[in-house]
Amino acid sequence: MLGFIILWSIIGVIVVILLILILRTRFAMFKGRRRDYKVKYVICAAHGIRTKGKWIIDLFTLLKDKYPEYANPEETRLIPIRYGYLLASICVLGFVKNYLINWMRRKLEAYCEMYPAASIIYFGHSYGTLLGYEALRRSDNIYLDRLVLVASIVSSHEIFDDTLGMRKVREIYCFCSEADEVCKYNPFGHSGYWGFRQNGDNECSPRPYDELEVYNYCKKNMEHSGYFADEETRSEWMEILDPREIVTPLPDEHWLCPFMASSNIYSPACVKEICKLYDKESNECLLVVKKG
C-alpha cells in the first residue's frame, strides 16, 4: 500500500511539473511579430537544466561593456531564453524533449521574422545546445549567423547535412573538454566531451571538417559549468561575438523569398508579404545577394 502511494505521489509531482512547464512556455510566446528593420544584432542565449542561467546576464554585461554596438538598444537585442528549472529525470522524457525543441523552434522562427535585417546568433549551454541545434534542424524558417555550443550534448558525430549543409547557419563553434563527465555520460550526444569528430577519429580536432565552418575549442580540464569562470574562454567568446566579424546571412534562396524589401540604410532582406522588388513576370527577386 505504501509503495502504491509513493508511486502515485511521484506521478503527481511529474504531472504538476509538466503543467507548470507548459504554462510557462505557452505564456512566454510572442503577442505580436512586428518587424523591426533597425535591429542589426540579435544574440539569443539558452541555459541548461537545473539552473536559472545566471551566466546569461554576465555574458550580456561583458558584451555591452566591450562592444558599444551591443549597448545600443535600437540596434541590438540580447535575449535570454529560459524554459524553467528542469530535473534530469524530466528532460530525458521524449515528449518533453520534443515539446521544448518545438517551443525553441517557434521562438527562433519568430526572431528571424521580427528582425529580418539582423544577424542572429544562438549561444547555448548543455541542454540548451540540444534545443537550439534540433530547432535549427527541424525548421526551414531559421537562418543563423553563428551557433555557439558550450558543453554541448549534440552528437559528436553530427554530419551537418541539414544545418550547415543547407546553409541554415554560417558557422558553428563547439566548446568541449575531456574533463566534462556530464557530457561524456549523458544519454544524448557527447560533443561537449569530444568536440565534433568525423567517424573514425579518436581525438578532438580544432577544425574537423576542411569544407565546413566548424570549430572546436578543446579544453584540458574544464568541468561542465567551468567555462563561465575561465578568463581565456570568455576572451574567446568575445572574439567569436565581435560585431565587426558578424554578417547577416542571406543565402541565394532565402527562406522568405521571393518577397523582397529593401531600404537605403539596411542590407536587402527577404520579408514575407512585403514585396517592393519582386518581378511577377519572371517570378523572382530583383535583388538577390550572392554569397562568396
C-alpha atoms as a PDB file:
ATOM      1  CA  MET A   1       0.000   0.000   0.000  1.00  0.00           C
ATOM      2  CA  LEU A   2       2.795   2.396   0.920  1.00  0.00           C
ATOM      3  CA  GLY A   3       4.575   1.679  -2.364  1.00  0.00           C
ATOM      4  CA  PHE A   4       1.388   2.410  -4.300  1.00  0.00           C
ATOM      5  CA  ILE A   5       1.020   5.789  -2.563  1.00  0.00           C
ATOM      6  CA  ILE A   6       4.662   6.689  -3.249  1.00  0.00           C
ATOM      7  CA  LEU A   7       4.303   5.761  -6.921  1.00  0.00           C
ATOM      8  CA  TRP A   8       1.230   7.922  -7.396  1.00  0.00           C
ATOM      9  CA  SER A   9       2.879  10.770  -5.497  1.00  0.00           C
ATOM     10  CA  ILE A  10       5.835  10.663  -7.886  1.00  0.00           C
ATOM     11  CA  ILE A  11       3.487  10.597 -10.899  1.00  0.00           C
ATOM     12  CA  GLY A  12       1.562  13.545  -9.443  1.00  0.00           C
ATOM     13  CA  VAL A  13       4.739  15.586  -8.991  1.00  0.00           C
ATOM     14  CA  ILE A  14       5.801  14.873 -12.576  1.00  0.00           C
ATOM     15  CA  VAL A  15       2.377  15.899 -13.902  1.00  0.00           C
ATOM     16  CA  VAL A  16       2.452  19.162 -11.911  1.00  0.00           C
ATOM     17  CA  ILE A  17       5.956  19.968 -13.167  1.00  0.00           C
ATOM     18  CA  LEU A  18       4.905  19.318 -16.770  1.00  0.00           C
ATOM     19  CA  LEU A  19       1.816  21.513 -16.413  1.00  0.00           C
ATOM     20  CA  ILE A  20       3.902  24.348 -14.975  1.00  0.00           C
ATOM     21  CA  LEU A  21       6.416  23.936 -17.804  1.00  0.00           C
ATOM     22  CA  ILE A  22       3.710  24.041 -20.462  1.00  0.00           C
ATOM     23  CA  LEU A  23       2.083  27.125 -18.945  1.00  0.00           C
ATOM     24  CA  ARG A  24       5.443  28.915 -18.655  1.00  0.00           C
ATOM     25  CA  THR A  25       6.383  28.243 -22.253  1.00  0.00           C
ATOM     26  CA  ARG A  26       2.929  28.993 -23.634  1.00  0.00           C
ATOM     27  CA  PHE A  27       2.615  32.367 -21.918  1.00  0.00           C
ATOM     28  CA  ALA A  28       6.182  33.237 -22.911  1.00  0.00           C
ATOM     29  CA  MET A  29       5.313  33.233 -26.623  1.00  0.00           C
ATOM     30  CA  PHE A  30       5.034  36.482 -28.506  1.00  0.00           C
ATOM     31  CA  LYS A  31       1.950  38.643 -28.528  1.00  0.00           C
ATOM     32  CA  GLY A  32       2.885  40.047 -31.916  1.00  0.00           C
ATOM     33  CA  ARG A  33       5.605  39.907 -34.541  1.00  0.00           C
ATOM     34  CA  ARG A  34       6.043  43.451 -35.758  1.00  0.00           C
ATOM     35  CA  ARG A  35       9.157  43.621 -37.900  1.00  0.00           C
ATOM     36  CA  ASP A  36      11.955  45.956 -36.859  1.00  0.00           C
ATOM     37  CA  TYR A  37      14.453  46.749 -39.617  1.00  0.00           C
ATOM     38  CA  LYS A  38      16.673  48.870 -37.369  1.00  0.00           C
ATOM     39  CA  VAL A  39      17.903  45.890 -35.350  1.00  0.00           C
ATOM     40  CA  LYS A  40      21.281  44.661 -36.632  1.00  0.00           C
ATOM     41  CA  TYR A  41      22.328  42.204 -33.924  1.00  0.00           C
ATOM     42  CA  VAL A  42      20.329  39.545 -32.100  1.00  0.00           C
ATOM     43  CA  ILE A  43      22.020  37.207 -29.609  1.00  0.00           C
ATOM     44  CA  CYS A  44      19.869  34.504 -28.015  1.00  0.00           C
ATOM     45  CA  ALA A  45      21.286  32.630 -25.016  1.00  0.00           C
ATOM     46  CA  ALA A  46      19.786  29.429 -23.569  1.00  0.00           C
ATOM     47  CA  HIS A  47      20.803  27.705 -20.329  1.00  0.00           C
ATOM     48  CA  GLY A  48      20.923  24.045 -19.319  1.00  0.00           C
ATOM     49  CA  ILE A  49      18.861  22.060 -16.826  1.00  0.00           C
ATOM     50  CA  ARG A  50      18.898  22.506 -13.036  1.00  0.00           C
ATOM     51  CA  THR A  51      19.886  26.152 -13.355  1.00  0.00           C
ATOM     52  CA  LYS A  52      18.345  29.566 -13.866  1.00  0.00           C
ATOM     53  CA  GLY A  53      21.146  30.618 -16.209  1.00  0.00           C
ATOM     54  CA  LYS A  54      22.723  33.459 -14.247  1.00  0.00           C
ATOM     55  CA  TRP A  55      25.678  33.286 -16.642  1.00  0.00           C
ATOM     56  CA  ILE A  56      23.477  34.739 -19.396  1.00  0.00           C
ATOM     57  CA  ILE A  57      23.266  38.129 -17.709  1.00  0.00           C
ATOM     58  CA  ASP A  58      27.015  38.052 -17.016  1.00  0.00           C
ATOM     59  CA  LEU A  59      27.704  37.286 -20.684  1.00  0.00           C
ATOM     60  CA  PHE A  60      25.454  40.083 -21.888  1.00  0.00           C
ATOM     61  CA  THR A  61      27.110  42.509 -19.460  1.00  0.00           C
ATOM     62  CA  LEU A  62      30.541  41.592 -20.824  1.00  0.00           C
ATOM     63  CA  LEU A  63      29.347  42.116 -24.389  1.00  0.00           C
ATOM     64  CA  LYS A  64      27.863  45.540 -23.686  1.00  0.00           C
ATOM     65  CA  ASP A  65      30.972  46.643 -21.800  1.00  0.00           C
ATOM     66  CA  LYS A  66      33.310  45.566 -24.606  1.00  0.00           C
ATOM     67  CA  TYR A  67      31.304  46.488 -27.686  1.00  0.00           C
ATOM     68  CA  PRO A  68      29.290  49.741 -27.852  1.00  0.00           C
ATOM     69  CA  GLU A  69      27.126  48.262 -30.628  1.00  0.00           C
ATOM     70  CA  TYR A  70      25.587  45.789 -28.198  1.00  0.00           C
ATOM     71  CA  ALA A  71      24.757  48.574 -25.730  1.00  0.00           C
ATOM     72  CA  ASN A  72      22.647  50.352 -28.340  1.00  0.00           C
ATOM     73  CA  PRO A  73      19.009  49.340 -27.694  1.00  0.00           C
ATOM     74  CA  GLU A  74      17.911  50.398 -31.184  1.00  0.00           C
ATOM     75  CA  GLU A  75      20.376  48.125 -32.977  1.00  0.00           C
ATOM     76  CA  THR A  76      20.695  45.158 -30.608  1.00  0.00           C
ATOM     77  CA  ARG A  77      18.527  42.565 -28.912  1.00  0.00           C
ATOM     78  CA  LEU A  78      20.210  40.468 -26.224  1.00  0.00           C
ATOM     79  CA  ILE A  79      17.624  37.798 -25.454  1.00  0.00           C
ATOM     80  CA  PRO A  80      17.798  35.303 -22.569  1.00  0.00           C
ATOM     81  CA  ILE A  81      15.777  32.183 -23.414  1.00  0.00           C
ATOM     82  CA  ARG A  82      14.641  30.464 -20.234  1.00  0.00           C
ATOM     83  CA  TYR A  83      12.475  27.376 -20.091  1.00  0.00           C
ATOM     84  CA  GLY A  84      12.491  26.690 -16.364  1.00  0.00           C
ATOM     85  CA  TYR A  85      14.469  24.716 -13.797  1.00  0.00           C
ATOM     86  CA  LEU A  86      14.205  21.148 -15.118  1.00  0.00           C
ATOM     87  CA  LEU A  87      15.153  17.928 -13.404  1.00  0.00           C
ATOM     88  CA  ALA A  88      17.278  15.431 -15.343  1.00  0.00           C
ATOM     89  CA  SER A  89      14.556  12.802 -14.994  1.00  0.00           C
ATOM     90  CA  ILE A  90      12.111  15.147 -16.752  1.00  0.00           C
ATOM     91  CA  CYS A  91      14.253  16.392 -19.637  1.00  0.00           C
ATOM     92  CA  VAL A  92      15.141  12.880 -20.828  1.00  0.00           C
ATOM     93  CA  LEU A  93      11.482  12.069 -21.483  1.00  0.00           C
ATOM     94  CA  GLY A  94      10.946  12.017 -25.241  1.00  0.00           C
ATOM     95  CA  PHE A  95       7.711  14.016 -25.306  1.00  0.00           C
ATOM     96  CA  VAL A  96       9.203  16.688 -23.009  1.00  0.00           C
ATOM     97  CA  LYS A  97      12.287  16.999 -25.199  1.00  0.00           C
ATOM     98  CA  ASN A  98      10.208  17.225 -28.380  1.00  0.00           C
ATOM     99  CA  TYR A  99       7.892  19.799 -26.848  1.00  0.00           C
ATOM    100  CA  LEU A 100      10.809  22.014 -25.799  1.00  0.00           C
ATOM    101  CA  ILE A 101      12.555  21.658 -29.167  1.00  0.00           C
ATOM    102  CA  ASN A 102       9.396  22.761 -30.977  1.00  0.00           C
ATOM    103  CA  TRP A 103       8.932  25.594 -28.487  1.00  0.00           C
ATOM    104  CA  MET A 104      12.500  26.739 -29.189  1.00  0.00           C
ATOM    105  CA  ARG A 105      11.901  26.394 -32.920  1.00  0.00           C
ATOM    106  CA  ARG A 106       8.881  28.703 -32.745  1.00  0.00           C
ATOM    107  CA  LYS A 107      10.825  31.291 -30.777  1.00  0.00           C
ATOM    108  CA  LEU A 108      13.790  31.341 -33.188  1.00  0.00           C
ATOM    109  CA  GLU A 109      11.459  31.469 -36.189  1.00  0.00           C
ATOM    110  CA  ALA A 110       9.741  34.449 -34.601  1.00  0.00           C
ATOM    111  CA  TYR A 111      13.042  36.276 -34.074  1.00  0.00           C
ATOM    112  CA  CYS A 112      14.053  35.647 -37.695  1.00  0.00           C
ATOM    113  CA  GLU A 113      10.761  37.135 -38.811  1.00  0.00           C
ATOM    114  CA  MET A 114      10.764  40.048 -36.358  1.00  0.00           C
ATOM    115  CA  TYR A 115      14.340  41.119 -37.164  1.00  0.00           C
ATOM    116  CA  PRO A 116      14.810  40.349 -40.882  1.00  0.00           C
ATOM    117  CA  ALA A 117      17.791  42.700 -41.342  1.00  0.00           C
ATOM    118  CA  ALA A 118      19.667  41.396 -38.291  1.00  0.00           C
ATOM    119  CA  SER A 119      22.391  38.848 -37.777  1.00  0.00           C
ATOM    120  CA  ILE A 120      21.062  36.265 -35.322  1.00  0.00           C
ATOM    121  CA  ILE A 121      23.376  34.256 -33.076  1.00  0.00           C
ATOM    122  CA  TYR A 122      22.405  31.380 -30.813  1.00  0.00           C
ATOM    123  CA  PHE A 123      24.538  30.743 -27.716  1.00  0.00           C
ATOM    124  CA  GLY A 124      23.631  27.630 -25.747  1.00  0.00           C
ATOM    125  CA  HIS A 125      24.970  25.660 -22.794  1.00  0.00           C
ATOM    126  CA  SER A 126      24.349  21.969 -22.057  1.00  0.00           C
ATOM    127  CA  TYR A 127      20.655  21.112 -22.661  1.00  0.00           C
ATOM    128  CA  GLY A 128      20.266  24.482 -24.358  1.00  0.00           C
ATOM    129  CA  THR A 129      22.654  23.300 -27.092  1.00  0.00           C
ATOM    130  CA  LEU A 130      20.372  20.375 -27.906  1.00  0.00           C
ATOM    131  CA  LEU A 131      17.252  22.544 -28.018  1.00  0.00           C
ATOM    132  CA  GLY A 132      18.845  25.148 -30.295  1.00  0.00           C
ATOM    133  CA  TYR A 133      20.505  22.732 -32.686  1.00  0.00           C
ATOM    134  CA  GLU A 134      17.488  20.465 -33.048  1.00  0.00           C
ATOM    135  CA  ALA A 135      15.237  23.505 -33.545  1.00  0.00           C
ATOM    136  CA  LEU A 136      17.502  24.566 -36.397  1.00  0.00           C
ATOM    137  CA  ARG A 137      17.362  21.088 -37.927  1.00  0.00           C
ATOM    138  CA  ARG A 138      13.576  20.952 -37.831  1.00  0.00           C
ATOM    139  CA  SER A 139      12.906  24.349 -39.381  1.00  0.00           C
ATOM    140  CA  ASP A 140      13.255  25.844 -42.829  1.00  0.00           C
ATOM    141  CA  ASN A 141      12.474  29.263 -41.382  1.00  0.00           C
ATOM    142  CA  ILE A 142      15.573  29.801 -39.242  1.00  0.00           C
ATOM    143  CA  TYR A 143      18.848  31.257 -40.505  1.00  0.00           C
ATOM    144  CA  LEU A 144      21.659  31.970 -38.062  1.00  0.00           C
ATOM    145  CA  ASP A 145      24.994  33.658 -38.466  1.00  0.00           C
ATOM    146  CA  ARG A 146      26.682  31.685 -35.692  1.00  0.00           C
ATOM    147  CA  LEU A 147      25.832  28.812 -33.403  1.00  0.00           C
ATOM    148  CA  VAL A 148      27.920  28.684 -30.214  1.00  0.00           C
ATOM    149  CA  LEU A 149      27.627  25.415 -28.265  1.00  0.00           C
ATOM    150  CA  VAL A 150      29.172  25.221 -24.800  1.00  0.00           C
ATOM    151  CA  ALA A 151      29.368  21.810 -23.060  1.00  0.00           C
ATOM    152  CA  SER A 152      27.276  20.532 -25.928  1.00  0.00           C
ATOM    153  CA  ILE A 153      25.086  17.430 -25.832  1.00  0.00           C
ATOM    154  CA  VAL A 154      24.670  17.365 -29.608  1.00  0.00           C
ATOM    155  CA  SER A 155      26.061  14.174 -31.161  1.00  0.00           C
ATOM    156  CA  SER A 156      29.847  14.288 -31.544  1.00  0.00           C
ATOM    157  CA  HIS A 157      29.434  12.594 -34.946  1.00  0.00           C
ATOM    158  CA  GLU A 158      26.923  15.078 -36.353  1.00  0.00           C
ATOM    159  CA  ILE A 159      27.389  15.413 -40.137  1.00  0.00           C
ATOM    160  CA  PHE A 160      25.553  18.765 -40.545  1.00  0.00           C
ATOM    161  CA  ASP A 161      23.707  17.835 -43.758  1.00  0.00           C
ATOM    162  CA  ASP A 162      20.535  19.602 -42.658  1.00  0.00           C
ATOM    163  CA  THR A 163      22.123  22.615 -40.939  1.00  0.00           C
ATOM    164  CA  LEU A 164      25.443  23.812 -42.371  1.00  0.00           C
ATOM    165  CA  GLY A 165      24.820  21.768 -45.490  1.00  0.00           C
ATOM    166  CA  MET A 166      21.566  23.614 -46.101  1.00  0.00           C
ATOM    167  CA  ARG A 167      23.132  26.970 -45.152  1.00  0.00           C
ATOM    168  CA  LYS A 168      20.837  27.475 -42.181  1.00  0.00           C
ATOM    169  CA  VAL A 169      23.859  28.548 -40.137  1.00  0.00           C
ATOM    170  CA  ARG A 170      27.122  30.081 -41.334  1.00  0.00           C
ATOM    171  CA  GLU A 171      29.499  28.936 -38.576  1.00  0.00           C
ATOM    172  CA  ILE A 172      29.406  26.543 -35.611  1.00  0.00           C
ATOM    173  CA  TYR A 173      31.652  26.811 -32.549  1.00  0.00           C
ATOM    174  CA  CYS A 174      31.838  23.933 -30.072  1.00  0.00           C
ATOM    175  CA  PHE A 175      33.486  24.234 -26.641  1.00  0.00           C
ATOM    176  CA  CYS A 176      34.408  20.819 -25.275  1.00  0.00           C
ATOM    177  CA  SER A 177      36.534  19.249 -22.548  1.00  0.00           C
ATOM    178  CA  GLU A 178      37.615  15.704 -21.756  1.00  0.00           C
ATOM    179  CA  ALA A 179      37.089  16.552 -18.083  1.00  0.00           C
ATOM    180  CA  ASP A 180      33.380  17.203 -18.698  1.00  0.00           C
ATOM    181  CA  GLU A 181      31.877  13.950 -17.454  1.00  0.00           C
ATOM    182  CA  VAL A 182      28.325  15.308 -17.698  1.00  0.00           C
ATOM    183  CA  CYS A 183      28.723  15.411 -21.471  1.00  0.00           C
ATOM    184  CA  LYS A 184      30.574  12.105 -21.543  1.00  0.00           C
ATOM    185  CA  TYR A 185      27.850  10.123 -19.753  1.00  0.00           C
ATOM    186  CA  ASN A 186      24.648  11.931 -20.743  1.00  0.00           C
ATOM    187  CA  PRO A 187      22.040   9.957 -22.751  1.00  0.00           C
ATOM    188  CA  PHE A 188      22.098  12.285 -25.785  1.00  0.00           C
ATOM    189  CA  GLY A 189      25.318  13.349 -27.544  1.00  0.00           C
ATOM    190  CA  HIS A 190      28.895  13.881 -26.399  1.00  0.00           C
ATOM    191  CA  SER A 191      30.257  16.782 -28.447  1.00  0.00           C
ATOM    192  CA  GLY A 192      30.829  18.694 -25.205  1.00  0.00           C
ATOM    193  CA  TYR A 193      33.279  15.940 -24.267  1.00  0.00           C
ATOM    194  CA  TRP A 194      34.875  15.119 -27.640  1.00  0.00           C
ATOM    195  CA  GLY A 195      34.009  18.023 -29.892  1.00  0.00           C
ATOM    196  CA  PHE A 196      32.625  17.232 -33.325  1.00  0.00           C
ATOM    197  CA  ARG A 197      34.517  14.380 -34.949  1.00  0.00           C
ATOM    198  CA  GLN A 198      34.384  12.671 -38.286  1.00  0.00           C
ATOM    199  CA  ASN A 199      33.642   8.972 -37.994  1.00  0.00           C
ATOM    200  CA  GLY A 200      36.803   7.064 -37.137  1.00  0.00           C
ATOM    201  CA  ASP A 201      38.512   9.956 -35.369  1.00  0.00           C
ATOM    202  CA  ASN A 202      39.571   9.361 -31.769  1.00  0.00           C
ATOM    203  CA  GLU A 203      40.670  12.883 -30.907  1.00  0.00           C
ATOM    204  CA  CYS A 204      39.200  16.343 -30.917  1.00  0.00           C
ATOM    205  CA  SER A 205      40.443  18.475 -33.819  1.00  0.00           C
ATOM    206  CA  PRO A 206      40.283  22.301 -33.846  1.00  0.00           C
ATOM    207  CA  ARG A 207      38.986  22.158 -37.437  1.00  0.00           C
ATOM    208  CA  PRO A 208      37.444  18.707 -38.019  1.00  0.00           C
ATOM    209  CA  TYR A 209      35.980  19.467 -41.447  1.00  0.00           C
ATOM    210  CA  ASP A 210      38.002  21.219 -44.134  1.00  0.00           C
ATOM    211  CA  GLU A 211      34.894  22.051 -46.151  1.00  0.00           C
ATOM    212  CA  LEU A 212      32.669  23.212 -43.267  1.00  0.00           C
ATOM    213  CA  GLU A 213      32.877  26.171 -40.911  1.00  0.00           C
ATOM    214  CA  VAL A 214      33.020  24.060 -37.744  1.00  0.00           C
ATOM    215  CA  TYR A 215      35.457  24.988 -34.976  1.00  0.00           C
ATOM    216  CA  ASN A 216      36.280  23.068 -31.806  1.00  0.00           C
ATOM    217  CA  TYR A 217      37.735  24.741 -28.741  1.00  0.00           C
ATOM    218  CA  CYS A 218      39.219  21.792 -26.864  1.00  0.00           C
ATOM    219  CA  LYS A 219      39.788  22.471 -23.164  1.00  0.00           C
ATOM    220  CA  LYS A 220      42.017  20.347 -20.944  1.00  0.00           C
ATOM    221  CA  ASN A 221      40.420  20.358 -17.510  1.00  0.00           C
ATOM    222  CA  MET A 222      37.077  22.122 -17.816  1.00  0.00           C
ATOM    223  CA  GLU A 223      34.091  20.821 -15.873  1.00  0.00           C
ATOM    224  CA  HIS A 224      30.549  21.190 -17.123  1.00  0.00           C
ATOM    225  CA  SER A 225      29.972  24.738 -15.846  1.00  0.00           C
ATOM    226  CA  GLY A 226      33.617  25.716 -15.543  1.00  0.00           C
ATOM    227  CA  TYR A 227      33.712  27.555 -18.870  1.00  0.00           C
ATOM    228  CA  PHE A 228      31.964  30.598 -17.426  1.00  0.00           C
ATOM    229  CA  ALA A 229      34.670  31.216 -14.827  1.00  0.00           C
ATOM    230  CA  ASP A 230      37.579  30.769 -17.222  1.00  0.00           C
ATOM    231  CA  GLU A 231      39.088  34.052 -18.446  1.00  0.00           C
ATOM    232  CA  GLU A 232      40.618  32.554 -21.595  1.00  0.00           C
ATOM    233  CA  THR A 233      37.293  31.023 -22.621  1.00  0.00           C
ATOM    234  CA  ARG A 234      35.452  34.301 -22.057  1.00  0.00           C
ATOM    235  CA  SER A 235      38.016  36.065 -24.256  1.00  0.00           C
ATOM    236  CA  GLU A 236      37.389  33.507 -26.991  1.00  0.00           C
ATOM    237  CA  TRP A 237      33.664  34.152 -26.747  1.00  0.00           C
ATOM    238  CA  MET A 238      34.269  37.884 -27.110  1.00  0.00           C
ATOM    239  CA  GLU A 239      36.219  37.248 -30.318  1.00  0.00           C
ATOM    240  CA  ILE A 240      33.516  34.995 -31.734  1.00  0.00           C
ATOM    241  CA  LEU A 241      30.783  37.527 -30.879  1.00  0.00           C
ATOM    242  CA  ASP A 242      32.707  40.558 -32.173  1.00  0.00           C
ATOM    243  CA  PRO A 243      30.094  42.578 -34.134  1.00  0.00           C
ATOM    244  CA  ARG A 244      32.729  43.602 -36.695  1.00  0.00           C
ATOM    245  CA  GLU A 245      33.012  39.944 -37.748  1.00  0.00           C
ATOM    246  CA  ILE A 246      29.293  39.265 -37.879  1.00  0.00           C
ATOM    247  CA  VAL A 247      27.310  39.347 -41.113  1.00  0.00           C
ATOM    248  CA  THR A 248      23.661  38.962 -41.978  1.00  0.00           C
ATOM    249  CA  PRO A 249      23.324  35.570 -43.643  1.00  0.00           C
ATOM    250  CA  LEU A 250      21.281  35.878 -46.798  1.00  0.00           C
ATOM    251  CA  PRO A 251      21.666  32.785 -48.999  1.00  0.00           C
ATOM    252  CA  ASP A 252      20.776  32.764 -52.680  1.00  0.00           C
ATOM    253  CA  GLU A 253      17.407  31.197 -51.875  1.00  0.00           C
ATOM    254  CA  HIS A 254      16.385  32.768 -48.608  1.00  0.00           C
ATOM    255  CA  TRP A 255      13.545  31.275 -46.555  1.00  0.00           C
ATOM    256  CA  LEU A 256      11.355  34.356 -47.090  1.00  0.00           C
ATOM    257  CA  CYS A 257      11.990  34.909 -50.825  1.00  0.00           C
ATOM    258  CA  PRO A 258      10.528  35.764 -53.254  1.00  0.00           C
ATOM    259  CA  PHE A 259       9.100  38.588 -51.144  1.00  0.00           C
ATOM    260  CA  MET A 260      11.822  41.226 -51.045  1.00  0.00           C
ATOM    261  CA  ALA A 261      12.049  44.541 -49.249  1.00  0.00           C
ATOM    262  CA  SER A 262      14.925  46.964 -49.087  1.00  0.00           C
ATOM    263  CA  SER A 263      15.922  50.423 -47.927  1.00  0.00           C
ATOM    264  CA  ASN A 264      18.806  52.820 -48.422  1.00  0.00           C
ATOM    265  CA  ILE A 265      20.116  52.061 -44.921  1.00  0.00           C
ATOM    266  CA  TYR A 266      19.912  48.323 -44.414  1.00  0.00           C
ATOM    267  CA  SER A 267      21.050  45.348 -46.425  1.00  0.00           C
ATOM    268  CA  PRO A 268      18.413  43.737 -48.648  1.00  0.00           C
ATOM    269  CA  ALA A 269      16.271  41.368 -46.633  1.00  0.00           C
ATOM    270  CA  CYS A 270      13.586  38.976 -47.771  1.00  0.00           C
ATOM    271  CA  VAL A 271      10.408  39.792 -45.892  1.00  0.00           C
ATOM    272  CA  LYS A 272       7.208  37.800 -46.119  1.00  0.00           C
ATOM    273  CA  GLU A 273       4.240  39.615 -47.687  1.00  0.00           C
ATOM    274  CA  ILE A 274       6.204  42.859 -48.145  1.00  0.00           C
ATOM    275  CA  CYS A 275       7.387  42.911 -51.727  1.00  0.00           C
ATOM    276  CA  LYS A 276       8.758  46.013 -53.406  1.00  0.00           C
ATOM    277  CA  LEU A 277      11.337  44.401 -55.663  1.00  0.00           C
ATOM    278  CA  TYR A 278       9.633  41.243 -56.843  1.00  0.00           C
ATOM    279  CA  ASP A 279       9.209  40.739 -60.585  1.00  0.00           C
ATOM    280  CA  LYS A 280       5.883  38.985 -61.167  1.00  0.00           C
ATOM    281  CA  GLU A 281       6.638  38.223 -64.815  1.00  0.00           C
ATOM    282  CA  SER A 282       9.872  36.372 -64.112  1.00  0.00           C
ATOM    283  CA  ASN A 283       8.693  35.182 -60.683  1.00  0.00           C
ATOM    284  CA  GLU A 284      11.961  36.144 -58.979  1.00  0.00           C
ATOM    285  CA  CYS A 285      13.548  38.653 -56.664  1.00  0.00           C
ATOM    286  CA  LEU A 286      15.246  41.540 -58.412  1.00  0.00           C
ATOM    287  CA  LEU A 287      17.696  41.886 -55.541  1.00  0.00           C
ATOM    288  CA  VAL A 288      19.443  38.634 -54.770  1.00  0.00           C
ATOM    289  CA  VAL A 289      22.544  38.665 -52.621  1.00  0.00           C
ATOM    290  CA  LYS A 290      25.108  36.159 -53.895  1.00  0.00           C
ATOM    291  CA  LYS A 291      27.372  34.674 -51.261  1.00  0.00           C
ATOM    292  CA  GLY A 292      31.088  34.363 -51.844  1.00  0.00           C
END
